[in-house]
Amino acid sequence: MLFPKLASRHEGWAAGLHRHHDHADDAFRHGRSGTRAPIRFAAAVICEQCNSADGTAKRKLGLPAEFSFSPAEIRQFVRATPHGFHEIDYDAALAIFKGDAGPMASD
């Protein structure tokens, strides 16, 4: 049920979508670094829970704020659940960050 407390409530689907981008260049663009970092992946639109999983994994693992997982990398450590919150495999995320995850699917 969408908008269950409003008179305009109705059944349907809703999805939160976000533009996900590589934060590697943010420090340069915002004047916190004099060096432009290489961009690891092109910006893409992904679901809000996958976008959030990127930040959650970085915070929990103590990874640099300038690092971003690509959509293909997120796909390797996030398990989507129907009508629920995505599950994050933090060990897999750390292995990806360290470069120990083996070959990755293309973006």
N, C-alpha and C. Protein backbone atom coordinates (compact mmCIF):
# COMPACT_ATOMS: atom_id res chain seq x y z
N MET A 1 0.86 -1.17 0.00
CA MET A 1 0.00 0.00 0.00
C MET A 1 0.91 1.24 0.00
N LEU A 2 0.72 2.09 -0.97
CA LEU A 2 1.45 3.33 -1.04
C LEU A 2 0.66 4.43 -0.35
N PHE A 3 1.32 5.22 0.44
CA PHE A 3 0.71 6.33 1.17
C PHE A 3 -0.49 5.87 1.99
N PRO A 4 -0.30 4.86 2.87
CA PRO A 4 -1.42 4.25 3.58
C PRO A 4 -2.22 5.20 4.48
N LYS A 5 -1.65 6.31 4.91
CA LYS A 5 -2.35 7.22 5.82
C LYS A 5 -3.05 8.37 5.09
N LEU A 6 -2.95 8.41 3.78
CA LEU A 6 -3.56 9.48 3.00
C LEU A 6 -4.82 9.01 2.29
N ALA A 7 -5.70 9.94 1.99
CA ALA A 7 -6.91 9.60 1.24
C ALA A 7 -6.56 9.09 -0.15
N SER A 8 -5.40 9.49 -0.66
CA SER A 8 -4.97 9.08 -2.01
C SER A 8 -4.22 7.73 -2.00
N ARG A 9 -4.31 6.97 -0.88
CA ARG A 9 -3.58 5.70 -0.80
C ARG A 9 -4.03 4.77 -1.93
N HIS A 10 -3.09 3.92 -2.35
CA HIS A 10 -3.39 2.97 -3.41
C HIS A 10 -2.32 1.88 -3.43
N GLU A 11 -2.65 0.76 -4.02
CA GLU A 11 -1.67 -0.31 -4.16
C GLU A 11 -0.76 0.00 -5.32
N GLY A 12 0.47 -0.42 -5.21
CA GLY A 12 1.41 -0.20 -6.30
C GLY A 12 2.82 -0.46 -5.84
N TRP A 13 3.77 -0.13 -6.68
CA TRP A 13 5.18 -0.34 -6.41
C TRP A 13 5.89 0.98 -6.31
N ALA A 14 6.88 1.03 -5.46
CA ALA A 14 7.72 2.23 -5.34
C ALA A 14 9.16 1.76 -5.15
N ALA A 15 10.06 2.54 -5.68
CA ALA A 15 11.48 2.19 -5.52
C ALA A 15 12.28 3.48 -5.39
N GLY A 16 13.19 3.48 -4.44
CA GLY A 16 14.10 4.60 -4.30
C GLY A 16 15.33 4.35 -5.16
N LEU A 17 15.64 5.28 -6.02
CA LEU A 17 16.80 5.16 -6.90
C LEU A 17 17.74 6.32 -6.65
N HIS A 18 19.04 6.05 -6.78
CA HIS A 18 20.05 7.07 -6.51
C HIS A 18 21.14 7.02 -7.57
N ARG A 19 21.74 8.18 -7.83
CA ARG A 19 22.90 8.26 -8.71
C ARG A 19 24.11 7.88 -7.86
N HIS A 20 24.77 6.79 -8.22
CA HIS A 20 25.93 6.31 -7.48
C HIS A 20 27.17 6.66 -8.30
N HIS A 21 28.13 7.30 -7.66
CA HIS A 21 29.34 7.71 -8.37
C HIS A 21 30.58 7.41 -7.54
N ASP A 22 31.71 7.46 -8.20
CA ASP A 22 33.00 7.21 -7.55
C ASP A 22 33.39 8.46 -6.77
N HIS A 23 33.58 8.33 -5.47
CA HIS A 23 33.93 9.46 -4.62
C HIS A 23 35.42 9.80 -4.65
N ALA A 24 36.19 9.06 -5.45
CA ALA A 24 37.65 9.26 -5.48
C ALA A 24 38.02 10.68 -5.86
N ASP A 25 37.24 11.30 -6.71
CA ASP A 25 37.58 12.63 -7.19
C ASP A 25 36.94 13.74 -6.37
N ASP A 26 36.08 13.39 -5.40
CA ASP A 26 35.38 14.42 -4.60
C ASP A 26 36.33 15.33 -3.84
N ALA A 27 37.38 14.77 -3.24
CA ALA A 27 38.32 15.59 -2.46
C ALA A 27 38.97 16.64 -3.35
N PHE A 28 39.31 16.28 -4.57
CA PHE A 28 39.90 17.25 -5.50
C PHE A 28 38.89 18.32 -5.88
N ARG A 29 37.69 17.89 -6.25
CA ARG A 29 36.66 18.84 -6.70
C ARG A 29 36.24 19.79 -5.59
N HIS A 30 36.34 19.36 -4.34
CA HIS A 30 35.93 20.20 -3.21
C HIS A 30 37.12 20.88 -2.53
N GLY A 31 38.29 20.82 -3.18
CA GLY A 31 39.45 21.55 -2.69
C GLY A 31 40.16 20.94 -1.50
N ARG A 32 39.88 19.67 -1.17
CA ARG A 32 40.55 19.03 -0.03
C ARG A 32 41.83 18.32 -0.45
N SER A 33 42.08 18.26 -1.75
CA SER A 33 43.28 17.60 -2.26
C SER A 33 43.73 18.31 -3.52
N GLY A 34 45.04 18.39 -3.70
CA GLY A 34 45.58 19.02 -4.91
C GLY A 34 45.78 18.02 -6.03
N THR A 35 45.42 16.77 -5.80
CA THR A 35 45.65 15.72 -6.78
C THR A 35 44.32 15.14 -7.24
N ARG A 36 44.17 15.01 -8.54
CA ARG A 36 42.97 14.40 -9.09
C ARG A 36 43.16 12.89 -9.13
N ALA A 37 42.27 12.16 -8.48
CA ALA A 37 42.35 10.70 -8.43
C ALA A 37 41.67 10.10 -9.66
N PRO A 38 42.13 8.96 -10.14
CA PRO A 38 41.47 8.32 -11.28
C PRO A 38 40.09 7.80 -10.88
N ILE A 39 39.15 7.92 -11.79
CA ILE A 39 37.79 7.45 -11.55
C ILE A 39 37.74 5.96 -11.88
N ARG A 40 37.25 5.15 -10.94
CA ARG A 40 37.23 3.69 -11.11
C ARG A 40 36.04 3.19 -11.91
N PHE A 41 34.92 3.94 -11.93
CA PHE A 41 33.74 3.49 -12.65
C PHE A 41 32.86 4.69 -12.98
N ALA A 42 32.04 4.53 -14.02
CA ALA A 42 31.12 5.59 -14.44
C ALA A 42 29.93 5.64 -13.49
N ALA A 43 29.37 6.82 -13.32
CA ALA A 43 28.18 6.98 -12.49
C ALA A 43 27.05 6.11 -13.05
N ALA A 44 26.22 5.61 -12.14
CA ALA A 44 25.10 4.74 -12.53
C ALA A 44 23.94 4.97 -11.57
N VAL A 45 22.76 4.59 -11.99
CA VAL A 45 21.58 4.66 -11.12
C VAL A 45 21.40 3.28 -10.50
N ILE A 46 21.37 3.23 -9.15
CA ILE A 46 21.18 1.98 -8.43
C ILE A 46 20.11 2.18 -7.36
N CYS A 47 19.63 1.10 -6.78
CA CYS A 47 18.58 1.22 -5.75
C CYS A 47 19.16 1.86 -4.49
N GLU A 48 18.29 2.48 -3.72
CA GLU A 48 18.74 3.22 -2.55
C GLU A 48 19.40 2.31 -1.51
N GLN A 49 18.96 1.07 -1.39
CA GLN A 49 19.58 0.17 -0.41
C GLN A 49 20.98 -0.25 -0.83
N CYS A 50 21.21 -0.45 -2.13
CA CYS A 50 22.57 -0.77 -2.59
C CYS A 50 23.48 0.45 -2.43
N ASN A 51 22.96 1.63 -2.71
CA ASN A 51 23.73 2.85 -2.53
C ASN A 51 24.09 3.02 -1.05
N SER A 52 23.15 2.74 -0.19
CA SER A 52 23.38 2.84 1.25
C SER A 52 24.37 1.77 1.73
N ALA A 53 24.31 0.59 1.13
CA ALA A 53 25.23 -0.50 1.51
C ALA A 53 26.67 -0.10 1.26
N ASP A 54 26.93 0.67 0.22
CA ASP A 54 28.27 1.17 -0.06
C ASP A 54 28.79 1.96 1.14
N GLY A 55 28.02 2.92 1.60
CA GLY A 55 28.43 3.74 2.74
C GLY A 55 28.49 2.97 4.04
N THR A 56 27.53 2.08 4.26
CA THR A 56 27.51 1.28 5.48
C THR A 56 28.75 0.39 5.57
N ALA A 57 29.09 -0.26 4.47
CA ALA A 57 30.28 -1.13 4.46
C ALA A 57 31.54 -0.32 4.70
N LYS A 58 31.65 0.85 4.07
CA LYS A 58 32.84 1.68 4.27
C LYS A 58 32.98 2.12 5.72
N ARG A 59 31.87 2.54 6.34
CA ARG A 59 31.93 2.98 7.74
C ARG A 59 32.28 1.82 8.67
N LYS A 60 31.60 0.69 8.52
CA LYS A 60 31.84 -0.46 9.40
C LYS A 60 33.26 -0.99 9.28
N LEU A 61 33.82 -0.95 8.06
CA LEU A 61 35.15 -1.49 7.83
C LEU A 61 36.25 -0.44 7.98
N GLY A 62 35.87 0.82 8.24
CA GLY A 62 36.86 1.88 8.40
C GLY A 62 37.59 2.23 7.10
N LEU A 63 36.90 2.12 5.98
CA LEU A 63 37.52 2.41 4.69
C LEU A 63 37.51 3.91 4.42
N PRO A 64 38.39 4.39 3.57
CA PRO A 64 38.44 5.83 3.27
C PRO A 64 37.13 6.33 2.66
N ALA A 65 36.71 7.52 3.06
CA ALA A 65 35.47 8.11 2.53
C ALA A 65 35.57 8.33 1.03
N GLU A 66 36.79 8.53 0.51
CA GLU A 66 36.97 8.79 -0.91
C GLU A 66 36.83 7.53 -1.76
N PHE A 67 36.81 6.36 -1.11
CA PHE A 67 36.67 5.10 -1.85
C PHE A 67 35.19 4.83 -2.07
N SER A 68 34.86 4.30 -3.24
CA SER A 68 33.50 3.84 -3.53
C SER A 68 33.57 2.48 -4.19
N PHE A 69 32.67 1.60 -3.81
CA PHE A 69 32.52 0.32 -4.49
C PHE A 69 31.74 0.56 -5.78
N SER A 70 32.13 -0.11 -6.84
CA SER A 70 31.39 -0.01 -8.11
C SER A 70 30.09 -0.81 -7.99
N PRO A 71 29.12 -0.57 -8.88
CA PRO A 71 27.90 -1.39 -8.85
C PRO A 71 28.20 -2.89 -8.96
N ALA A 72 29.17 -3.27 -9.79
CA ALA A 72 29.53 -4.69 -9.93
C ALA A 72 30.11 -5.23 -8.62
N GLU A 73 30.85 -4.42 -7.91
CA GLU A 73 31.42 -4.84 -6.62
C GLU A 73 30.32 -4.95 -5.56
N ILE A 74 29.42 -3.98 -5.54
CA ILE A 74 28.31 -4.02 -4.58
C ILE A 74 27.49 -5.30 -4.79
N ARG A 75 27.30 -5.66 -6.04
CA ARG A 75 26.55 -6.87 -6.37
C ARG A 75 27.19 -8.12 -5.75
N GLN A 76 28.48 -8.08 -5.49
CA GLN A 76 29.18 -9.24 -4.93
C GLN A 76 29.04 -9.36 -3.41
N PHE A 77 28.75 -8.25 -2.72
CA PHE A 77 28.67 -8.35 -1.25
C PHE A 77 27.30 -8.00 -0.68
N VAL A 78 26.33 -7.72 -1.52
CA VAL A 78 24.97 -7.41 -1.06
C VAL A 78 24.02 -8.50 -1.55
N ARG A 79 23.19 -8.97 -0.63
CA ARG A 79 22.14 -9.92 -1.00
C ARG A 79 20.80 -9.23 -0.77
N ALA A 80 20.07 -9.04 -1.85
CA ALA A 80 18.75 -8.39 -1.75
C ALA A 80 17.75 -9.38 -1.18
N THR A 81 16.85 -8.87 -0.36
CA THR A 81 15.79 -9.71 0.20
C THR A 81 14.44 -9.11 -0.19
N PRO A 82 13.47 -9.93 -0.58
CA PRO A 82 12.17 -9.40 -0.98
C PRO A 82 11.49 -8.69 0.19
N HIS A 83 11.07 -7.49 -0.05
CA HIS A 83 10.32 -6.69 0.94
C HIS A 83 11.07 -6.52 2.25
N GLY A 84 12.39 -6.51 2.20
CA GLY A 84 13.18 -6.36 3.42
C GLY A 84 14.47 -5.63 3.13
N PHE A 85 15.29 -5.52 4.15
CA PHE A 85 16.57 -4.83 4.00
C PHE A 85 17.59 -5.75 3.35
N HIS A 86 18.46 -5.16 2.55
CA HIS A 86 19.54 -5.92 1.93
C HIS A 86 20.51 -6.41 3.02
N GLU A 87 21.08 -7.57 2.81
CA GLU A 87 22.07 -8.12 3.73
C GLU A 87 23.46 -7.85 3.16
N ILE A 88 24.38 -7.44 4.03
CA ILE A 88 25.73 -7.07 3.61
C ILE A 88 26.72 -8.10 4.13
N ASP A 89 27.54 -8.63 3.24
CA ASP A 89 28.62 -9.54 3.61
C ASP A 89 29.88 -8.69 3.76
N TYR A 90 30.19 -8.31 4.98
CA TYR A 90 31.31 -7.40 5.23
C TYR A 90 32.66 -8.05 4.91
N ASP A 91 32.78 -9.35 5.10
CA ASP A 91 34.04 -10.04 4.75
C ASP A 91 34.28 -9.94 3.24
N ALA A 92 33.23 -10.13 2.46
CA ALA A 92 33.36 -10.03 1.00
C ALA A 92 33.70 -8.61 0.59
N ALA A 93 33.08 -7.62 1.23
CA ALA A 93 33.36 -6.21 0.91
C ALA A 93 34.83 -5.89 1.21
N LEU A 94 35.33 -6.37 2.34
CA LEU A 94 36.72 -6.11 2.69
C LEU A 94 37.67 -6.79 1.69
N ALA A 95 37.34 -8.00 1.28
CA ALA A 95 38.16 -8.71 0.29
C ALA A 95 38.20 -7.94 -1.03
N ILE A 96 37.08 -7.36 -1.42
CA ILE A 96 37.03 -6.56 -2.65
C ILE A 96 37.92 -5.34 -2.49
N PHE A 97 37.82 -4.66 -1.35
CA PHE A 97 38.64 -3.47 -1.12
C PHE A 97 40.13 -3.80 -1.17
N LYS A 98 40.49 -4.93 -0.57
CA LYS A 98 41.90 -5.34 -0.53
C LYS A 98 42.37 -5.92 -1.85
N GLY A 99 41.44 -6.16 -2.77
CA GLY A 99 41.81 -6.74 -4.06
C GLY A 99 41.91 -8.24 -4.04
N ASP A 100 41.33 -8.88 -3.02
CA ASP A 100 41.42 -10.34 -2.87
C ASP A 100 40.17 -11.07 -3.36
N ALA A 101 39.27 -10.37 -4.04
CA ALA A 101 37.99 -10.99 -4.38
C ALA A 101 38.02 -11.77 -5.69
N GLY A 102 39.13 -11.76 -6.39
CA GLY A 102 39.20 -12.46 -7.66
C GLY A 102 38.55 -11.64 -8.75
N PRO A 103 38.27 -12.25 -9.92
CA PRO A 103 37.71 -11.50 -11.05
C PRO A 103 36.31 -11.00 -10.71
N MET A 104 36.02 -9.77 -11.14
CA MET A 104 34.72 -9.17 -10.87
C MET A 104 33.90 -9.11 -12.15
N ALA A 105 32.58 -9.14 -11.98
CA ALA A 105 31.69 -8.95 -13.11
C ALA A 105 31.86 -7.53 -13.62
N SER A 106 31.63 -7.34 -14.88
CA SER A 106 31.77 -6.00 -15.44
C SER A 106 30.60 -5.13 -15.04
N ASP A 107 30.82 -3.82 -14.99
CA ASP A 107 29.75 -2.86 -14.62
C ASP A 107 28.70 -2.79 -15.70
